[in-house]
Amino acid sequence: MKKILALTVAGVLLACSSLSVCAADGTTNTGSKSVTTDDLMKQIEELQTKLESAIKESETNTSEQVTTLRESVATLRENVVTLQEKIQTLKEEIATLESSESANTEKIEELTTKMTEYEDALESYEEQLYVNTAQLASLTTKVQNLANAINAGGGKSSGSSGSSGGSGGGGGSSSSANDFYKRNNIIGYGSTIVGQGGHVEINGGKSNVTFVLTPATGGQLTAATGFSAGLGGALLNVVNTSSPGASFKTAKVNFYVSGVNAGDNIAVYQLQGSKWVQLPVVETRKDHVIVNMTRHGTVAFIRVPVLAYATN
């Protein structure tokens, strides 16, 4: 599909280039056959039609993927809720047994083991839910971009009022995408999405704390871009973190970072005052970077050629 789009776009550009060459006298000679401006305009219209068709086909395929992912996300959310209810029930049963005068130790251990299994399964479901949600956000943006490309194509059916409507729709799509990102605690920058799905380890213990992510300001992005260039690296994303109502001295945070693979050299820096301070990366695996933090702030994820510790 990408190849078809590329070839079609190239054809449109080539035809437009030829049109500009012959526009002065209205004709041009290619061998024994004379090509008029009208001929070239017809070629451009045909190529534009093929381009719009290719874009619509890509939009349809992507929309089908979005539908599948939405169904998967809905199922995962149901599983998460079910497990949360089961865990709560087990906690209540264990508390009742522990408070009784004749505490059944064997039964308590049995229920505790089952609760641990449920908690492990819940964590797995929640991680998959987060991955699917991030993929859904990326595909939703892709569908919106394809729809905008069709609206901006200037086809035969689009008039001045249609163009105006397209622009309005584009604004609505952008607003919808922003709402989607905010609702799912993810930040998009370039082709990379960063998110945080909760279960931050606070002061060495498990918790239900989620680090809330917000986009970096223009100044923070500029600073991070300059700093990453100085490292010879590529800036993946910049986010601001917070955890309303939850303080910490140390936090082990599992960030979702799309496109990252195990073994990648990913450096994480935090803007502290006017300096970028490198944070310890505990683990890098597919689409995840686990980081140790001691405070909130502006955090930059940078792909570097060689992983080394530096502060600037």
Protein backbone atom coordinates (compact mmCIF):
# COMPACT_ATOMS: atom_id res chain seq x y z
CA MET A 1 0.00 0.00 0.00
CA LYS A 2 2.82 2.43 0.88
CA LYS A 3 4.50 1.64 -2.45
CA ILE A 4 1.27 2.33 -4.34
CA LEU A 5 0.84 5.65 -2.55
CA ALA A 6 4.46 6.62 -3.23
CA LEU A 7 4.25 5.76 -6.93
CA THR A 8 0.96 7.60 -7.33
CA VAL A 9 2.26 10.72 -5.59
CA ALA A 10 5.40 10.57 -7.75
CA GLY A 11 3.19 10.41 -10.84
CA VAL A 12 1.23 13.48 -9.76
CA LEU A 13 4.44 15.41 -9.09
CA LEU A 14 5.92 14.36 -12.45
CA ALA A 15 2.77 15.43 -14.29
CA CYS A 16 2.71 18.77 -12.44
CA SER A 17 6.37 19.30 -13.34
CA SER A 18 5.64 18.63 -17.00
CA LEU A 19 2.66 20.96 -16.85
CA SER A 20 4.77 23.85 -15.58
CA VAL A 21 7.28 23.35 -18.42
CA CYS A 22 4.70 23.52 -21.17
CA ALA A 23 2.38 26.08 -19.57
CA ALA A 24 3.99 28.99 -21.43
CA ASP A 25 3.03 27.87 -24.94
CA GLY A 26 0.32 25.32 -24.15
CA THR A 27 2.08 22.39 -25.87
CA THR A 28 5.22 20.31 -25.68
CA ASN A 29 6.71 17.72 -28.04
CA THR A 30 7.58 14.24 -26.84
CA GLY A 31 8.89 12.41 -29.92
CA SER A 32 6.31 12.43 -32.68
CA LYS A 33 3.34 13.08 -30.42
CA SER A 34 2.37 16.55 -29.15
CA VAL A 35 1.11 16.70 -25.56
CA THR A 36 -1.16 19.62 -24.70
CA THR A 37 -1.81 21.23 -21.34
CA ASP A 38 -5.28 19.66 -21.40
CA ASP A 39 -3.67 16.22 -21.81
CA LEU A 40 -1.47 16.81 -18.79
CA MET A 41 -4.40 18.10 -16.73
CA LYS A 42 -6.30 14.94 -17.59
CA GLN A 43 -3.31 12.82 -16.49
CA ILE A 44 -3.13 14.72 -13.20
CA GLU A 45 -6.86 14.19 -12.56
CA GLU A 46 -6.48 10.46 -13.25
CA LEU A 47 -3.48 10.21 -10.92
CA GLN A 48 -5.30 12.18 -8.22
CA THR A 49 -8.23 9.78 -8.49
CA LYS A 50 -5.87 6.81 -8.07
CA LEU A 51 -4.22 8.53 -5.09
CA GLU A 52 -7.56 9.19 -3.38
CA SER A 53 -8.59 5.58 -4.02
CA ALA A 54 -5.35 4.28 -2.51
CA ILE A 55 -5.75 6.52 0.54
CA LYS A 56 -9.36 5.41 1.05
CA GLU A 57 -8.32 1.75 0.81
CA SER A 58 -5.60 2.34 3.41
CA GLU A 59 -8.13 4.17 5.63
CA THR A 60 -10.55 1.22 5.39
CA ASN A 61 -7.85 -1.31 6.33
CA THR A 62 -6.68 0.82 9.25
CA SER A 63 -10.26 1.36 10.43
CA GLU A 64 -10.76 -2.41 10.54
CA GLN A 65 -7.63 -2.72 12.72
CA VAL A 66 -9.01 0.00 14.99
CA THR A 67 -12.30 -1.90 15.35
CA THR A 68 -10.46 -5.12 16.26
CA LEU A 69 -8.31 -3.31 18.82
CA ARG A 70 -11.34 -1.59 20.36
CA GLU A 71 -13.00 -4.99 20.86
CA SER A 72 -9.79 -6.32 22.42
CA VAL A 73 -9.53 -3.31 24.73
CA ALA A 74 -13.16 -3.71 25.81
CA THR A 75 -12.60 -7.41 26.63
CA LEU A 76 -9.41 -6.66 28.56
CA ARG A 77 -11.17 -3.95 30.57
CA GLU A 78 -13.91 -6.43 31.52
CA ASN A 79 -11.27 -8.95 32.60
CA VAL A 80 -9.49 -6.29 34.67
CA VAL A 81 -12.71 -5.32 36.46
CA THR A 82 -13.59 -8.97 37.13
CA LEU A 83 -10.16 -9.71 38.62
CA GLN A 84 -10.24 -6.55 40.73
CA GLU A 85 -13.58 -7.68 42.20
CA LYS A 86 -12.22 -11.20 42.89
CA ILE A 87 -9.12 -9.79 44.59
CA GLN A 88 -11.26 -7.51 46.77
CA THR A 89 -13.46 -10.44 47.78
CA LEU A 90 -10.41 -12.52 48.71
CA LYS A 91 -8.98 -9.66 50.78
CA GLU A 92 -12.22 -9.45 52.73
CA GLU A 93 -12.29 -13.23 53.30
CA ILE A 94 -8.66 -13.21 54.49
CA ALA A 95 -9.32 -10.28 56.82
CA THR A 96 -12.33 -12.10 58.30
CA LEU A 97 -10.32 -15.27 58.87
CA GLU A 98 -7.40 -13.39 60.42
CA SER A 99 -9.71 -11.58 62.85
CA SER A 100 -11.44 -14.75 64.04
CA GLU A 101 -10.40 -16.36 67.31
CA SER A 102 -9.68 -19.69 65.66
CA ALA A 103 -7.80 -18.48 62.61
CA ASN A 104 -7.47 -21.19 59.95
CA THR A 105 -3.83 -20.69 58.90
CA GLU A 106 -4.02 -23.23 56.10
CA LYS A 107 -7.10 -21.58 54.60
CA ILE A 108 -5.52 -18.12 54.88
CA GLU A 109 -2.40 -19.33 53.04
CA GLU A 110 -4.57 -20.92 50.35
CA LEU A 111 -6.53 -17.71 49.81
CA THR A 112 -3.34 -15.62 49.88
CA THR A 113 -1.79 -17.80 47.17
CA LYS A 114 -4.91 -17.50 45.03
CA MET A 115 -4.93 -13.71 45.52
CA THR A 116 -1.29 -13.52 44.40
CA GLU A 117 -2.18 -15.46 41.25
CA TYR A 118 -5.05 -13.07 40.58
CA GLU A 119 -2.77 -10.06 41.12
CA ASP A 120 -0.19 -11.44 38.66
CA ALA A 121 -2.92 -12.08 36.10
CA LEU A 122 -4.34 -8.60 36.71
CA GLU A 123 -0.94 -7.00 36.11
CA SER A 124 -0.58 -8.95 32.87
CA TYR A 125 -4.06 -7.89 31.70
CA GLU A 126 -3.41 -4.26 32.60
CA GLU A 127 -0.08 -4.20 30.75
CA GLN A 128 -1.68 -5.71 27.63
CA LEU A 129 -4.56 -3.27 27.98
CA TYR A 130 -2.11 -0.39 28.06
CA VAL A 131 -0.18 -1.65 25.02
CA ASN A 132 -3.42 -2.11 23.05
CA THR A 133 -4.67 1.33 24.11
CA ALA A 134 -1.45 2.96 22.89
CA GLN A 135 -1.67 1.07 19.59
CA LEU A 136 -5.30 2.12 19.30
CA ALA A 137 -4.29 5.76 19.82
CA SER A 138 -1.65 5.49 17.10
CA LEU A 139 -4.04 3.86 14.62
CA THR A 140 -6.80 6.35 15.45
CA THR A 141 -4.41 9.19 14.61
CA LYS A 142 -3.47 7.41 11.38
CA VAL A 143 -7.13 7.11 10.37
CA GLN A 144 -7.67 10.80 11.11
CA ASN A 145 -4.62 11.75 9.04
CA LEU A 146 -5.82 9.63 6.13
CA ALA A 147 -9.30 11.17 6.37
CA ASN A 148 -7.74 14.65 6.41
CA ALA A 149 -5.64 13.72 3.36
CA ILE A 150 -8.79 12.71 1.49
CA ASN A 151 -10.58 15.92 2.52
CA ALA A 152 -7.58 18.00 1.46
CA GLY A 153 -7.24 16.20 -1.84
CA GLY A 154 -9.29 18.75 -3.74
CA GLY A 155 -11.19 16.11 -5.71
CA LYS A 156 -13.95 16.89 -8.17
CA SER A 157 -16.65 16.82 -5.50
CA SER A 158 -14.94 19.29 -3.15
CA GLY A 159 -15.97 22.89 -3.44
CA SER A 160 -15.25 25.92 -1.28
CA SER A 161 -17.82 24.91 1.30
CA GLY A 162 -16.49 21.34 1.29
CA SER A 163 -12.97 22.59 1.95
CA SER A 164 -14.22 24.66 4.82
CA GLY A 165 -15.99 21.65 6.26
CA GLY A 166 -12.82 19.60 5.87
CA SER A 167 -10.85 22.12 7.84
CA GLY A 168 -13.43 22.14 10.59
CA GLY A 169 -13.43 18.34 10.65
CA GLY A 170 -9.63 18.37 10.91
CA GLY A 171 -9.81 20.59 13.97
CA GLY A 172 -12.40 18.30 15.51
CA SER A 173 -10.24 15.25 14.80
CA SER A 174 -7.23 16.91 16.40
CA SER A 175 -9.27 17.81 19.47
CA SER A 176 -10.65 14.27 19.64
CA ALA A 177 -7.14 12.80 19.40
CA ASN A 178 -5.91 15.07 22.20
CA ASP A 179 -8.83 14.01 24.41
CA PHE A 180 -8.07 10.36 23.67
CA TYR A 181 -4.40 10.79 24.63
CA LYS A 182 -5.27 12.65 27.84
CA ARG A 183 -7.94 10.12 28.84
CA ASN A 184 -5.48 7.23 28.44
CA ASN A 185 -2.49 9.02 30.04
CA ILE A 186 -0.29 8.90 26.94
CA ILE A 187 1.81 11.56 25.20
CA GLY A 188 2.63 11.50 21.49
CA TYR A 189 5.74 13.12 20.02
CA GLY A 190 6.75 12.35 16.46
CA SER A 191 6.20 8.63 15.98
CA THR A 192 6.77 7.74 19.65
CA ILE A 193 4.09 7.36 22.30
CA VAL A 194 4.98 7.42 26.00
CA GLY A 195 2.50 6.29 28.65
CA GLN A 196 2.34 5.15 32.25
CA GLY A 197 -0.14 2.49 33.26
CA GLY A 198 0.21 2.58 37.04
CA HIS A 199 1.60 0.07 39.57
CA VAL A 200 4.55 2.35 40.34
CA GLU A 201 6.75 0.84 43.04
CA ILE A 202 6.83 3.48 45.78
CA ASN A 203 9.67 3.42 48.33
CA GLY A 204 10.43 -0.20 47.46
CA GLY A 205 6.86 -1.53 47.70
CA LYS A 206 4.06 -2.28 45.25
CA SER A 207 1.33 0.33 44.91
CA ASN A 208 -1.64 1.34 42.79
CA VAL A 209 -0.11 4.77 42.12
CA THR A 210 -0.15 6.03 38.53
CA PHE A 211 2.19 8.78 37.34
CA VAL A 212 0.09 11.29 35.43
CA LEU A 213 1.74 12.47 32.20
CA THR A 214 1.33 15.87 30.55
CA PRO A 215 3.00 17.23 27.39
CA ALA A 216 6.21 19.24 27.62
CA THR A 217 6.12 22.96 26.91
CA GLY A 218 7.71 24.46 23.82
CA GLY A 219 10.68 25.63 25.87
CA GLN A 220 11.18 22.19 27.43
CA LEU A 221 11.03 20.54 24.00
CA THR A 222 13.59 23.00 22.63
CA ALA A 223 15.91 22.35 25.58
CA ALA A 224 15.55 18.58 25.25
CA THR A 225 16.13 18.67 21.49
CA GLY A 226 19.33 20.66 21.92
CA PHE A 227 20.55 18.42 24.73
CA SER A 228 19.86 15.19 22.82
CA ALA A 229 21.68 16.59 19.77
CA GLY A 230 24.67 17.32 22.00
CA LEU A 231 24.69 13.66 23.05
CA GLY A 232 24.54 12.56 19.43
CA GLY A 233 21.22 10.92 20.18
CA ALA A 234 17.64 11.04 18.89
CA LEU A 235 14.92 12.52 21.09
CA LEU A 236 12.04 10.07 21.38
CA ASN A 237 9.69 12.01 23.65
CA VAL A 238 9.50 14.49 26.53
CA VAL A 239 6.85 14.34 29.27
CA ASN A 240 6.07 15.94 32.61
CA THR A 241 5.16 13.63 35.49
CA SER A 242 3.06 14.06 38.63
CA SER A 243 1.17 11.87 41.11
CA PRO A 244 -1.53 13.94 42.83
CA GLY A 245 -1.99 12.82 46.42
CA ALA A 246 1.01 10.46 46.42
CA SER A 247 4.50 11.50 47.50
CA PHE A 248 7.63 9.36 47.38
CA LYS A 249 11.34 9.23 48.13
CA THR A 250 12.05 6.59 45.50
CA ALA A 251 9.90 5.29 42.67
CA LYS A 252 10.43 2.52 40.16
CA VAL A 253 8.36 3.51 37.14
CA ASN A 254 7.41 1.34 34.17
CA PHE A 255 6.97 3.68 31.18
CA TYR A 256 5.39 2.47 27.94
CA VAL A 257 7.64 3.76 25.11
CA SER A 258 6.50 2.62 21.68
CA GLY A 259 9.16 1.36 19.27
CA VAL A 260 11.72 0.46 21.93
CA ASN A 261 13.23 -3.04 21.87
CA ALA A 262 15.28 -5.06 24.34
CA GLY A 263 18.93 -4.08 24.11
CA ASP A 264 18.27 -0.57 22.74
CA ASN A 265 20.41 2.18 24.23
CA ILE A 266 17.76 4.37 25.82
CA ALA A 267 18.95 7.13 28.14
CA VAL A 268 16.45 8.92 30.37
CA TYR A 269 17.16 12.44 31.62
CA GLN A 270 15.25 14.70 33.98
CA LEU A 271 15.43 18.49 33.90
CA GLN A 272 16.43 19.53 37.42
CA GLY A 273 16.77 23.30 37.60
CA SER A 274 18.75 24.20 34.50
CA LYS A 275 20.55 20.85 34.20
CA TRP A 276 19.62 17.55 32.61
CA VAL A 277 20.34 14.77 35.13
CA GLN A 278 20.47 11.17 33.95
CA LEU A 279 18.11 8.75 35.70
CA PRO A 280 18.99 5.08 36.28
CA VAL A 281 17.33 2.81 33.70
CA VAL A 282 16.54 -0.50 35.42
CA GLU A 283 15.39 -2.37 32.32
CA THR A 284 14.66 -1.86 28.64
CA ARG A 285 12.39 -4.34 26.91
CA LYS A 286 9.97 -4.24 24.00
CA ASP A 287 7.91 -1.03 24.26
CA HIS A 288 8.92 -0.52 27.91
CA VAL A 289 11.58 1.46 29.77
CA ILE A 290 11.73 1.03 33.56
CA VAL A 291 13.27 3.98 35.40
CA ASN A 292 14.21 4.82 39.00
CA MET A 293 13.10 8.31 40.05
CA THR A 294 13.37 10.40 43.22
CA ARG A 295 11.23 13.35 42.15
CA HIS A 296 8.73 14.51 39.55
CA GLY A 297 9.61 16.79 36.68
CA THR A 298 10.35 16.96 32.97
CA VAL A 299 11.63 13.62 31.66
CA ALA A 300 13.28 13.09 28.25
CA PHE A 301 13.69 9.71 26.56
CA ILE A 302 16.68 9.69 24.22
CA ARG A 303 17.98 6.94 21.95
CA VAL A 304 21.76 7.17 22.15
CA PRO A 305 24.54 5.42 20.17
CA VAL A 306 26.37 4.41 23.37
CA LEU A 307 24.79 4.26 26.82
CA ALA A 308 26.89 6.24 29.27
CA TYR A 309 26.11 8.39 32.27
CA ALA A 310 26.36 12.14 31.80
CA THR A 311 24.90 15.25 33.38
CA ASN A 312 24.62 18.67 31.84
